Amino acid sequence: MDAPILIPIAMMAGFIILGVILSMGKCSFLIAGYNTMSKEQKQKYDELALCRFMGKIMYCLAFGMLLWLTSILLQNSVVMSAALCFLVGSVAFAVIYATTGSRFRK
């Protein structure tokens, strides 16, 4: 296989694995910002809901990698642009959704 094809496959597999682990509510220490909080601050947050949300975001990123892989295989720049927009949009949504309001507070 060609190296440009292996990169999105590896990234997609990584995102799916992380999505499964986070969806089960495990490995919250992988969530940036949450892992640096003190125990008192962590008790204010619903760890399971936060992990499940981040798991869903990992699935979205895996889908973006699938679009990226599709654009490489089809050699289509329109699909690549759609993949890039989807990836950036997913990350922007996750940051805005997680930081605004008190969605994950107990």
PDB file of N, CA and C in Angstrom:
ATOM      1  N   MET A   1       0.837  -1.189   0.000  1.00  0.00           N
ATOM      2  CA  MET A   1       0.000   0.000   0.000  1.00  0.00           C
ATOM      3  C   MET A   1       0.872   1.240   0.000  1.00  0.00           C
ATOM      4  N   ASP A   2       0.311   2.271  -0.513  1.00  0.00           N
ATOM      5  CA  ASP A   2       1.014   3.535  -0.597  1.00  0.00           C
ATOM      6  C   ASP A   2       0.940   4.270   0.738  1.00  0.00           C
ATOM      7  N   ALA A   3       1.981   5.020   1.076  1.00  0.00           N
ATOM      8  CA  ALA A   3       2.037   5.724   2.362  1.00  0.00           C
ATOM      9  C   ALA A   3       0.888   6.704   2.565  1.00  0.00           C
ATOM     10  N   PRO A   4       0.458   7.489   1.548  1.00  0.00           N
ATOM     11  CA  PRO A   4      -0.669   8.407   1.780  1.00  0.00           C
ATOM     12  C   PRO A   4      -1.973   7.694   2.126  1.00  0.00           C
ATOM     13  N   ILE A   5      -2.099   6.432   1.776  1.00  0.00           N
ATOM     14  CA  ILE A   5      -3.305   5.682   2.118  1.00  0.00           C
ATOM     15  C   ILE A   5      -3.221   5.153   3.546  1.00  0.00           C
ATOM     16  N   LEU A   6      -2.029   4.795   3.982  1.00  0.00           N
ATOM     17  CA  LEU A   6      -1.865   4.238   5.318  1.00  0.00           C
ATOM     18  C   LEU A   6      -2.096   5.263   6.424  1.00  0.00           C
ATOM     19  N   ILE A   7      -1.784   6.508   6.158  1.00  0.00           N
ATOM     20  CA  ILE A   7      -1.929   7.547   7.183  1.00  0.00           C
ATOM     21  C   ILE A   7      -3.382   7.718   7.612  1.00  0.00           C
ATOM     22  N   PRO A   8      -4.332   7.957   6.680  1.00  0.00           N
ATOM     23  CA  PRO A   8      -5.722   8.085   7.148  1.00  0.00           C
ATOM     24  C   PRO A   8      -6.287   6.792   7.716  1.00  0.00           C
ATOM     25  N   ILE A   9      -5.815   5.631   7.234  1.00  0.00           N
ATOM     26  CA  ILE A   9      -6.296   4.362   7.796  1.00  0.00           C
ATOM     27  C   ILE A   9      -5.860   4.244   9.252  1.00  0.00           C
ATOM     28  N   ALA A  10      -4.593   4.560   9.527  1.00  0.00           N
ATOM     29  CA  ALA A  10      -4.085   4.491  10.898  1.00  0.00           C
ATOM     30  C   ALA A  10      -4.789   5.493  11.801  1.00  0.00           C
ATOM     31  N   MET A  11      -5.008   6.697  11.300  1.00  0.00           N
ATOM     32  CA  MET A  11      -5.688   7.718  12.094  1.00  0.00           C
ATOM     33  C   MET A  11      -7.138   7.328  12.349  1.00  0.00           C
ATOM     34  N   MET A  12      -7.792   6.786  11.337  1.00  0.00           N
ATOM     35  CA  MET A  12      -9.181   6.365  11.479  1.00  0.00           C
ATOM     36  C   MET A  12      -9.287   5.242  12.517  1.00  0.00           C
ATOM     37  N   ALA A  13      -8.372   4.300  12.463  1.00  0.00           N
ATOM     38  CA  ALA A  13      -8.377   3.206  13.439  1.00  0.00           C
ATOM     39  C   ALA A  13      -8.147   3.742  14.849  1.00  0.00           C
ATOM     40  N   GLY A  14      -7.234   4.686  14.976  1.00  0.00           N
ATOM     41  CA  GLY A  14      -6.972   5.287  16.287  1.00  0.00           C
ATOM     42  C   GLY A  14      -8.186   6.017  16.838  1.00  0.00           C
ATOM     43  N   PHE A  15      -8.862   6.779  15.990  1.00  0.00           N
ATOM     44  CA  PHE A  15     -10.051   7.499  16.433  1.00  0.00           C
ATOM     45  C   PHE A  15     -11.179   6.541  16.818  1.00  0.00           C
ATOM     46  N   ILE A  16     -11.324   5.452  16.070  1.00  0.00           N
ATOM     47  CA  ILE A  16     -12.371   4.486  16.403  1.00  0.00           C
ATOM     48  C   ILE A  16     -12.063   3.806  17.733  1.00  0.00           C
ATOM     49  N   ILE A  17     -10.816   3.422  17.942  1.00  0.00           N
ATOM     50  CA  ILE A  17     -10.428   2.794  19.208  1.00  0.00           C
ATOM     51  C   ILE A  17     -10.660   3.749  20.372  1.00  0.00           C
ATOM     52  N   LEU A  18     -10.226   5.001  20.216  1.00  0.00           N
ATOM     53  CA  LEU A  18     -10.466   5.993  21.268  1.00  0.00           C
ATOM     54  C   LEU A  18     -11.957   6.236  21.472  1.00  0.00           C
ATOM     55  N   GLY A  19     -12.729   6.240  20.399  1.00  0.00           N
ATOM     56  CA  GLY A  19     -14.166   6.435  20.505  1.00  0.00           C
ATOM     57  C   GLY A  19     -14.829   5.338  21.310  1.00  0.00           C
ATOM     58  N   VAL A  20     -14.418   4.114  21.066  1.00  0.00           N
ATOM     59  CA  VAL A  20     -14.991   2.982  21.808  1.00  0.00           C
ATOM     60  C   VAL A  20     -14.631   3.084  23.285  1.00  0.00           C
ATOM     61  N   ILE A  21     -13.368   3.363  23.562  1.00  0.00           N
ATOM     62  CA  ILE A  21     -12.919   3.447  24.962  1.00  0.00           C
ATOM     63  C   ILE A  21     -13.619   4.587  25.693  1.00  0.00           C
ATOM     64  N   LEU A  22     -13.677   5.755  25.062  1.00  0.00           N
ATOM     65  CA  LEU A  22     -14.308   6.909  25.704  1.00  0.00           C
ATOM     66  C   LEU A  22     -15.813   6.731  25.827  1.00  0.00           C
ATOM     67  N   SER A  23     -16.446   6.075  24.862  1.00  0.00           N
ATOM     68  CA  SER A  23     -17.884   5.856  24.941  1.00  0.00           C
ATOM     69  C   SER A  23     -18.274   4.971  26.114  1.00  0.00           C
ATOM     70  N   MET A  24     -17.354   4.135  26.551  1.00  0.00           N
ATOM     71  CA  MET A  24     -17.603   3.296  27.717  1.00  0.00           C
ATOM     72  C   MET A  24     -17.363   4.045  29.031  1.00  0.00           C
ATOM     73  N   GLY A  25     -16.899   5.304  28.937  1.00  0.00           N
ATOM     74  CA  GLY A  25     -16.650   6.093  30.137  1.00  0.00           C
ATOM     75  C   GLY A  25     -15.279   5.870  30.737  1.00  0.00           C
ATOM     76  N   LYS A  26     -14.401   5.237  30.005  1.00  0.00           N
ATOM     77  CA  LYS A  26     -13.062   4.942  30.493  1.00  0.00           C
ATOM     78  C   LYS A  26     -12.064   5.962  29.948  1.00  0.00           C
ATOM     79  N   CYS A  27     -10.898   5.997  30.562  1.00  0.00           N
ATOM     80  CA  CYS A  27      -9.752   6.798  30.095  1.00  0.00           C
ATOM     81  C   CYS A  27     -10.046   8.293  30.035  1.00  0.00           C
ATOM     82  N   SER A  28     -10.710   8.816  31.046  1.00  0.00           N
ATOM     83  CA  SER A  28     -10.986  10.256  31.072  1.00  0.00           C
ATOM     84  C   SER A  28      -9.707  11.065  31.178  1.00  0.00           C
ATOM     85  N   PHE A  29      -8.608  10.432  31.590  1.00  0.00           N
ATOM     86  CA  PHE A  29      -7.336  11.148  31.692  1.00  0.00           C
ATOM     87  C   PHE A  29      -6.810  11.570  30.321  1.00  0.00           C
ATOM     88  N   LEU A  30      -7.389  11.050  29.241  1.00  0.00           N
ATOM     89  CA  LEU A  30      -6.973  11.436  27.897  1.00  0.00           C
ATOM     90  C   LEU A  30      -7.615  12.741  27.434  1.00  0.00           C
ATOM     91  N   ILE A  31      -8.600  13.233  28.160  1.00  0.00           N
ATOM     92  CA  ILE A  31      -9.293  14.462  27.769  1.00  0.00           C
ATOM     93  C   ILE A  31      -8.495  15.647  28.284  1.00  0.00           C
ATOM     94  N   ALA A  32      -7.993  16.444  27.352  1.00  0.00           N
ATOM     95  CA  ALA A  32      -7.169  17.600  27.711  1.00  0.00           C
ATOM     96  C   ALA A  32      -7.991  18.593  28.521  1.00  0.00           C
ATOM     97  N   GLY A  33      -7.400  19.126  29.535  1.00  0.00           N
ATOM     98  CA  GLY A  33      -8.084  20.065  30.414  1.00  0.00           C
ATOM     99  C   GLY A  33      -8.701  19.356  31.595  1.00  0.00           C
ATOM    100  N   TYR A  34      -9.383  18.268  31.348  1.00  0.00           N
ATOM    101  CA  TYR A  34      -9.992  17.510  32.430  1.00  0.00           C
ATOM    102  C   TYR A  34      -8.913  16.803  33.249  1.00  0.00           C
ATOM    103  N   ASN A  35      -7.885  16.335  32.574  1.00  0.00           N
ATOM    104  CA  ASN A  35      -6.844  15.608  33.284  1.00  0.00           C
ATOM    105  C   ASN A  35      -5.976  16.510  34.151  1.00  0.00           C
ATOM    106  N   THR A  36      -6.007  17.809  33.923  1.00  0.00           N
ATOM    107  CA  THR A  36      -5.187  18.730  34.719  1.00  0.00           C
ATOM    108  C   THR A  36      -5.952  19.325  35.899  1.00  0.00           C
ATOM    109  N   MET A  37      -7.227  19.020  36.009  1.00  0.00           N
ATOM    110  CA  MET A  37      -8.033  19.554  37.109  1.00  0.00           C
ATOM    111  C   MET A  37      -7.691  18.844  38.420  1.00  0.00           C
ATOM    112  N   SER A  38      -7.932  19.555  39.501  1.00  0.00           N
ATOM    113  CA  SER A  38      -7.776  18.931  40.810  1.00  0.00           C
ATOM    114  C   SER A  38      -8.962  18.000  41.062  1.00  0.00           C
ATOM    115  N   LYS A  39      -8.834  17.148  42.067  1.00  0.00           N
ATOM    116  CA  LYS A  39      -9.927  16.206  42.368  1.00  0.00           C
ATOM    117  C   LYS A  39     -11.201  16.944  42.746  1.00  0.00           C
ATOM    118  N   GLU A  40     -11.067  18.082  43.422  1.00  0.00           N
ATOM    119  CA  GLU A  40     -12.252  18.857  43.810  1.00  0.00           C
ATOM    120  C   GLU A  40     -12.967  19.405  42.583  1.00  0.00           C
ATOM    121  N   GLN A  41     -12.196  19.875  41.601  1.00  0.00           N
ATOM    122  CA  GLN A  41     -12.802  20.393  40.380  1.00  0.00           C
ATOM    123  C   GLN A  41     -13.426  19.265  39.554  1.00  0.00           C
ATOM    124  N   LYS A  42     -12.766  18.112  39.509  1.00  0.00           N
ATOM    125  CA  LYS A  42     -13.299  16.983  38.739  1.00  0.00           C
ATOM    126  C   LYS A  42     -14.623  16.496  39.296  1.00  0.00           C
ATOM    127  N   GLN A  43     -14.821  16.625  40.597  1.00  0.00           N
ATOM    128  CA  GLN A  43     -16.067  16.176  41.209  1.00  0.00           C
ATOM    129  C   GLN A  43     -17.254  17.021  40.776  1.00  0.00           C
ATOM    130  N   LYS A  44     -17.006  18.207  40.256  1.00  0.00           N
ATOM    131  CA  LYS A  44     -18.078  19.087  39.795  1.00  0.00           C
ATOM    132  C   LYS A  44     -18.606  18.680  38.418  1.00  0.00           C
ATOM    133  N   TYR A  45     -17.889  17.798  37.720  1.00  0.00           N
ATOM    134  CA  TYR A  45     -18.244  17.435  36.351  1.00  0.00           C
ATOM    135  C   TYR A  45     -18.755  16.001  36.275  1.00  0.00           C
ATOM    136  N   ASP A  46     -19.647  15.768  35.328  1.00  0.00           N
ATOM    137  CA  ASP A  46     -20.161  14.437  35.052  1.00  0.00           C
ATOM    138  C   ASP A  46     -19.178  13.752  34.098  1.00  0.00           C
ATOM    139  N   GLU A  47     -18.313  12.939  34.668  1.00  0.00           N
ATOM    140  CA  GLU A  47     -17.240  12.317  33.901  1.00  0.00           C
ATOM    141  C   GLU A  47     -17.776  11.400  32.809  1.00  0.00           C
ATOM    142  N   LEU A  48     -18.821  10.653  33.102  1.00  0.00           N
ATOM    143  CA  LEU A  48     -19.384   9.728  32.121  1.00  0.00           C
ATOM    144  C   LEU A  48     -19.950  10.473  30.911  1.00  0.00           C
ATOM    145  N   ALA A  49     -20.678  11.560  31.154  1.00  0.00           N
ATOM    146  CA  ALA A  49     -21.249  12.344  30.042  1.00  0.00           C
ATOM    147  C   ALA A  49     -20.150  12.983  29.204  1.00  0.00           C
ATOM    148  N   LEU A  50     -19.116  13.476  29.861  1.00  0.00           N
ATOM    149  CA  LEU A  50     -18.002  14.090  29.146  1.00  0.00           C
ATOM    150  C   LEU A  50     -17.278  13.055  28.291  1.00  0.00           C
ATOM    151  N   CYS A  51     -17.046  11.871  28.851  1.00  0.00           N
ATOM    152  CA  CYS A  51     -16.377  10.805  28.094  1.00  0.00           C
ATOM    153  C   CYS A  51     -17.224  10.368  26.904  1.00  0.00           C
ATOM    154  N   ARG A  52     -18.519  10.221  27.107  1.00  0.00           N
ATOM    155  CA  ARG A  52     -19.392   9.806  26.000  1.00  0.00           C
ATOM    156  C   ARG A  52     -19.420  10.851  24.891  1.00  0.00           C
ATOM    157  N   PHE A  53     -19.441  12.122  25.263  1.00  0.00           N
ATOM    158  CA  PHE A  53     -19.418  13.180  24.251  1.00  0.00           C
ATOM    159  C   PHE A  53     -18.112  13.123  23.456  1.00  0.00           C
ATOM    160  N   MET A  54     -17.001  12.978  24.148  1.00  0.00           N
ATOM    161  CA  MET A  54     -15.715  12.921  23.456  1.00  0.00           C
ATOM    162  C   MET A  54     -15.616  11.658  22.591  1.00  0.00           C
ATOM    163  N   GLY A  55     -16.248  10.570  23.022  1.00  0.00           N
ATOM    164  CA  GLY A  55     -16.291   9.372  22.188  1.00  0.00           C
ATOM    165  C   GLY A  55     -17.027   9.623  20.884  1.00  0.00           C
ATOM    166  N   LYS A  56     -18.137  10.350  20.963  1.00  0.00           N
ATOM    167  CA  LYS A  56     -18.893  10.684  19.752  1.00  0.00           C
ATOM    168  C   LYS A  56     -18.068  11.579  18.824  1.00  0.00           C
ATOM    169  N   ILE A  57     -17.318  12.487  19.403  1.00  0.00           N
ATOM    170  CA  ILE A  57     -16.448  13.345  18.587  1.00  0.00           C
ATOM    171  C   ILE A  57     -15.371  12.506  17.909  1.00  0.00           C
ATOM    172  N   MET A  58     -14.859  11.498  18.591  1.00  0.00           N
ATOM    173  CA  MET A  58     -13.863  10.609  17.977  1.00  0.00           C
ATOM    174  C   MET A  58     -14.465   9.869  16.785  1.00  0.00           C
ATOM    175  N   TYR A  59     -15.720   9.461  16.897  1.00  0.00           N
ATOM    176  CA  TYR A  59     -16.384   8.809  15.765  1.00  0.00           C
ATOM    177  C   TYR A  59     -16.539   9.791  14.591  1.00  0.00           C
ATOM    178  N   CYS A  60     -16.858  11.040  14.889  1.00  0.00           N
ATOM    179  CA  CYS A  60     -16.962  12.059  13.833  1.00  0.00           C
ATOM    180  C   CYS A  60     -15.613  12.253  13.144  1.00  0.00           C
ATOM    181  N   LEU A  61     -14.553  12.291  13.928  1.00  0.00           N
ATOM    182  CA  LEU A  61     -13.227  12.455  13.341  1.00  0.00           C
ATOM    183  C   LEU A  61     -12.838  11.230  12.511  1.00  0.00           C
ATOM    184  N   ALA A  62     -13.246  10.046  12.928  1.00  0.00           N
ATOM    185  CA  ALA A  62     -12.983   8.843  12.136  1.00  0.00           C
ATOM    186  C   ALA A  62     -13.727   8.919  10.802  1.00  0.00           C
ATOM    187  N   PHE A  63     -14.955   9.447  10.828  1.00  0.00           N
ATOM    188  CA  PHE A  63     -15.698   9.621   9.582  1.00  0.00           C
ATOM    189  C   PHE A  63     -14.997  10.623   8.672  1.00  0.00           C
ATOM    190  N   GLY A  64     -14.464  11.690   9.251  1.00  0.00           N
ATOM    191  CA  GLY A  64     -13.700  12.659   8.463  1.00  0.00           C
ATOM    192  C   GLY A  64     -12.475  12.021   7.823  1.00  0.00           C
ATOM    193  N   MET A  65     -11.829  11.118   8.555  1.00  0.00           N
ATOM    194  CA  MET A  65     -10.690  10.395   7.991  1.00  0.00           C
ATOM    195  C   MET A  65     -11.129   9.471   6.857  1.00  0.00           C
ATOM    196  N   LEU A  66     -12.335   8.893   6.992  1.00  0.00           N
ATOM    197  CA  LEU A  66     -12.878   8.057   5.919  1.00  0.00           C
ATOM    198  C   LEU A  66     -13.109   8.893   4.658  1.00  0.00           C
ATOM    199  N   LEU A  67     -13.623  10.110   4.836  1.00  0.00           N
ATOM    200  CA  LEU A  67     -13.788  11.004   3.681  1.00  0.00           C
ATOM    201  C   LEU A  67     -12.431  11.346   3.065  1.00  0.00           C
ATOM    202  N   TRP A  68     -11.446  11.573   3.923  1.00  0.00           N
ATOM    203  CA  TRP A  68     -10.101  11.877   3.448  1.00  0.00           C
ATOM    204  C   TRP A  68      -9.556  10.696   2.630  1.00  0.00           C
ATOM    205  N   LEU A  69      -9.721   9.488   3.142  1.00  0.00           N
ATOM    206  CA  LEU A  69      -9.267   8.293   2.436  1.00  0.00           C
ATOM    207  C   LEU A  69     -10.001   8.148   1.100  1.00  0.00           C
ATOM    208  N   THR A  70     -11.297   8.415   1.110  1.00  0.00           N
ATOM    209  CA  THR A  70     -12.077   8.343  -0.122  1.00  0.00           C
ATOM    210  C   THR A  70     -11.561   9.338  -1.153  1.00  0.00           C
ATOM    211  N   SER A  71     -11.210  10.542  -0.688  1.00  0.00           N
ATOM    212  CA  SER A  71     -10.700  11.553  -1.624  1.00  0.00           C
ATOM    213  C   SER A  71      -9.357  11.141  -2.210  1.00  0.00           C
ATOM    214  N   ILE A  72      -8.543  10.442  -1.442  1.00  0.00           N
ATOM    215  CA  ILE A  72      -7.257   9.961  -1.964  1.00  0.00           C
ATOM    216  C   ILE A  72      -7.490   8.873  -3.009  1.00  0.00           C
ATOM    217  N   LEU A  73      -8.391   7.933  -2.683  1.00  0.00           N
ATOM    218  CA  LEU A  73      -8.646   6.829  -3.608  1.00  0.00           C
ATOM    219  C   LEU A  73      -9.299   7.304  -4.901  1.00  0.00           C
ATOM    220  N   LEU A  74     -10.218   8.261  -4.793  1.00  0.00           N
ATOM    221  CA  LEU A  74     -10.908   8.776  -5.985  1.00  0.00           C
ATOM    222  C   LEU A  74     -10.135   9.900  -6.670  1.00  0.00           C
ATOM    223  N   GLN A  75      -9.098  10.397  -5.999  1.00  0.00           N
ATOM    224  CA  GLN A  75      -8.323  11.546  -6.487  1.00  0.00           C
ATOM    225  C   GLN A  75      -9.254  12.707  -6.832  1.00  0.00           C
ATOM    226  N   ASN A  76     -10.103  13.036  -5.852  1.00  0.00           N
ATOM    227  CA  ASN A  76     -11.113  14.069  -6.030  1.00  0.00           C
ATOM    228  C   ASN A  76     -10.882  15.159  -4.996  1.00  0.00           C
ATOM    229  N   SER A  77     -10.590  16.359  -5.466  1.00  0.00           N
ATOM    230  CA  SER A  77     -10.303  17.468  -4.550  1.00  0.00           C
ATOM    231  C   SER A  77     -11.569  17.991  -3.871  1.00  0.00           C
ATOM    232  N   VAL A  78     -12.731  17.772  -4.470  1.00  0.00           N
ATOM    233  CA  VAL A  78     -13.982  18.215  -3.856  1.00  0.00           C
ATOM    234  C   VAL A  78     -14.252  17.406  -2.581  1.00  0.00           C
ATOM    235  N   VAL A  79     -14.027  16.107  -2.646  1.00  0.00           N
ATOM    236  CA  VAL A  79     -14.220  15.268  -1.470  1.00  0.00           C
ATOM    237  C   VAL A  79     -13.182  15.611  -0.407  1.00  0.00           C
ATOM    238  N   MET A  80     -11.957  15.946  -0.827  1.00  0.00           N
ATOM    239  CA  MET A  80     -10.928  16.366   0.125  1.00  0.00           C
ATOM    240  C   MET A  80     -11.340  17.647   0.824  1.00  0.00           C
ATOM    241  N   SER A  81     -11.899  18.580   0.086  1.00  0.00           N
ATOM    242  CA  SER A  81     -12.374  19.825   0.692  1.00  0.00           C
ATOM    243  C   SER A  81     -13.511  19.558   1.664  1.00  0.00           C
ATOM    244  N   ALA A  82     -14.402  18.655   1.303  1.00  0.00           N
ATOM    245  CA  ALA A  82     -15.509  18.296   2.194  1.00  0.00           C
ATOM    246  C   ALA A  82     -14.972  17.643   3.465  1.00  0.00           C
ATOM    247  N   ALA A  83     -13.970  16.775   3.317  1.00  0.00           N
ATOM    248  CA  ALA A  83     -13.365  16.121   4.482  1.00  0.00           C
ATOM    249  C   ALA A  83     -12.715  17.141   5.399  1.00  0.00           C
ATOM    250  N   LEU A  84     -11.988  18.070   4.827  1.00  0.00           N
ATOM    251  CA  LEU A  84     -11.323  19.102   5.623  1.00  0.00           C
ATOM    252  C   LEU A  84     -12.342  19.975   6.348  1.00  0.00           C
ATOM    253  N   CYS A  85     -13.385  20.385   5.645  1.00  0.00           N
ATOM    254  CA  CYS A  85     -14.438  21.187   6.277  1.00  0.00           C
ATOM    255  C   CYS A  85     -15.136  20.410   7.383  1.00  0.00           C
ATOM    256  N   PHE A  86     -15.377  19.128   7.161  1.00  0.00           N
ATOM    257  CA  PHE A  86     -16.031  18.303   8.180  1.00  0.00           C
ATOM    258  C   PHE A  86     -15.144  18.159   9.413  1.00  0.00           C
ATOM    259  N   LEU A  87     -13.851  17.928   9.206  1.00  0.00           N
ATOM    260  CA  LEU A  87     -12.931  17.773  10.331  1.00  0.00           C
ATOM    261  C   LEU A  87     -12.810  19.062  11.142  1.00  0.00           C
ATOM    262  N   VAL A  88     -12.613  20.171  10.453  1.00  0.00           N
ATOM    263  CA  VAL A  88     -12.496  21.459  11.149  1.00  0.00           C
ATOM    264  C   VAL A  88     -13.809  21.817  11.831  1.00  0.00           C
ATOM    265  N   GLY A  89     -14.917  21.578  11.157  1.00  0.00           N
ATOM    266  CA  GLY A  89     -16.222  21.858  11.745  1.00  0.00           C
ATOM    267  C   GLY A  89     -16.509  21.007  12.972  1.00  0.00           C
ATOM    268  N   SER A  90     -16.114  19.743  12.925  1.00  0.00           N
ATOM    269  CA  SER A  90     -16.319  18.854  14.076  1.00  0.00           C
ATOM    270  C   SER A  90     -15.525  19.314  15.285  1.00  0.00           C
ATOM    271  N   VAL A  91     -14.279  19.684  15.053  1.00  0.00           N
ATOM    272  CA  VAL A  91     -13.438  20.148  16.163  1.00  0.00           C
ATOM    273  C   VAL A  91     -13.975  21.474  16.711  1.00  0.00           C
ATOM    274  N   ALA A  92     -14.359  22.382  15.825  1.00  0.00           N
ATOM    275  CA  ALA A  92     -14.909  23.664  16.276  1.00  0.00           C
ATOM    276  C   ALA A  92     -16.191  23.451  17.071  1.00  0.00           C
ATOM    277  N   PHE A  93     -17.064  22.588  16.592  1.00  0.00           N
ATOM    278  CA  PHE A  93     -18.296  22.290  17.315  1.00  0.00           C
ATOM    279  C   PHE A  93     -17.991  21.725  18.689  1.00  0.00           C
ATOM    280  N   ALA A  94     -17.055  20.782  18.758  1.00  0.00           N
ATOM    281  CA  ALA A  94     -16.727  20.141  20.036  1.00  0.00           C
ATOM    282  C   ALA A  94     -16.208  21.161  21.044  1.00  0.00           C
ATOM    283  N   VAL A  95     -15.342  22.033  20.599  1.00  0.00           N
ATOM    284  CA  VAL A  95     -14.782  23.041  21.507  1.00  0.00           C
ATOM    285  C   VAL A  95     -15.868  23.993  21.987  1.00  0.00           C
ATOM    286  N   ILE A  96     -16.682  24.478  21.076  1.00  0.00           N
ATOM    287  CA  ILE A  96     -17.731  25.430  21.442  1.00  0.00           C
ATOM    288  C   ILE A  96     -18.781  24.765  22.333  1.00  0.00           C
ATOM    289  N   TYR A  97     -19.207  23.570  21.979  1.00  0.00           N
ATOM    290  CA  TYR A  97     -20.244  22.868  22.736  1.00  0.00           C
ATOM    291  C   TYR A  97     -19.766  22.521  24.145  1.00  0.00           C
ATOM    292  N   ALA A  98     -18.527  22.075  24.257  1.00  0.00           N
ATOM    293  CA  ALA A  98     -18.025  21.636  25.555  1.00  0.00           C
ATOM    294  C   ALA A  98     -17.704  22.786  26.494  1.00  0.00           C
ATOM    295  N   THR A  99     -17.345  23.934  25.944  1.00  0.00           N
ATOM    296  CA  THR A  99     -16.919  25.030  26.808  1.00  0.00           C
ATOM    297  C   THR A  99     -18.018  26.041  27.116  1.00  0.00           C
ATOM    298  N   THR A 100     -19.094  26.068  26.351  1.00  0.00           N
ATOM    299  CA  THR A 100     -20.161  27.012  26.631  1.00  0.00           C
ATOM    300  C   THR A 100     -21.240  26.345  27.459  1.00  0.00           C
ATOM    301  N   GLY A 101     -21.831  27.103  28.318  1.00  0.00           N
ATOM    302  CA  GLY A 101     -22.885  26.553  29.171  1.00  0.00           C
ATOM    303  C   GLY A 101     -22.312  25.617  30.217  1.00  0.00           C
ATOM    304  N   SER A 102     -23.160  24.962  30.943  1.00  0.00           N
ATOM    305  CA  SER A 102     -22.728  23.999  31.963  1.00  0.00           C
ATOM    306  C   SER A 102     -23.248  22.617  31.629  1.00  0.00           C
ATOM    307  N   ARG A 103     -22.983  22.175  30.427  1.00  0.00           N
ATOM    308  CA  ARG A 103     -23.526  20.903  29.953  1.00  0.00           C
ATOM    309  C   ARG A 103     -23.019  19.703  30.719  1.00  0.00           C
ATOM    310  N   PHE A 104     -21.790  19.745  31.151  1.00  0.00           N
ATOM    311  CA  PHE A 104     -21.200  18.579  31.779  1.00  0.00           C
ATOM    312  C   PHE A 104     -21.028  18.741  33.290  1.00  0.00           C
ATOM    313  N   ARG A 105     -21.617  19.779  33.828  1.00  0.00           N
ATOM    314  CA  ARG A 105     -21.556  19.963  35.284  1.00  0.00           C
ATOM    315  C   ARG A 105     -22.624  19.106  35.929  1.00  0.00           C
ATOM    316  N   LYS A 106     -22.344  18.657  37.143  1.00  0.00           N
ATOM    317  CA  LYS A 106     -23.314  17.837  37.896  1.00  0.00           C
ATOM    318  C   LYS A 106     -24.411  18.713  38.438  1.00  0.00           C
TER     319      LYS A 106
END
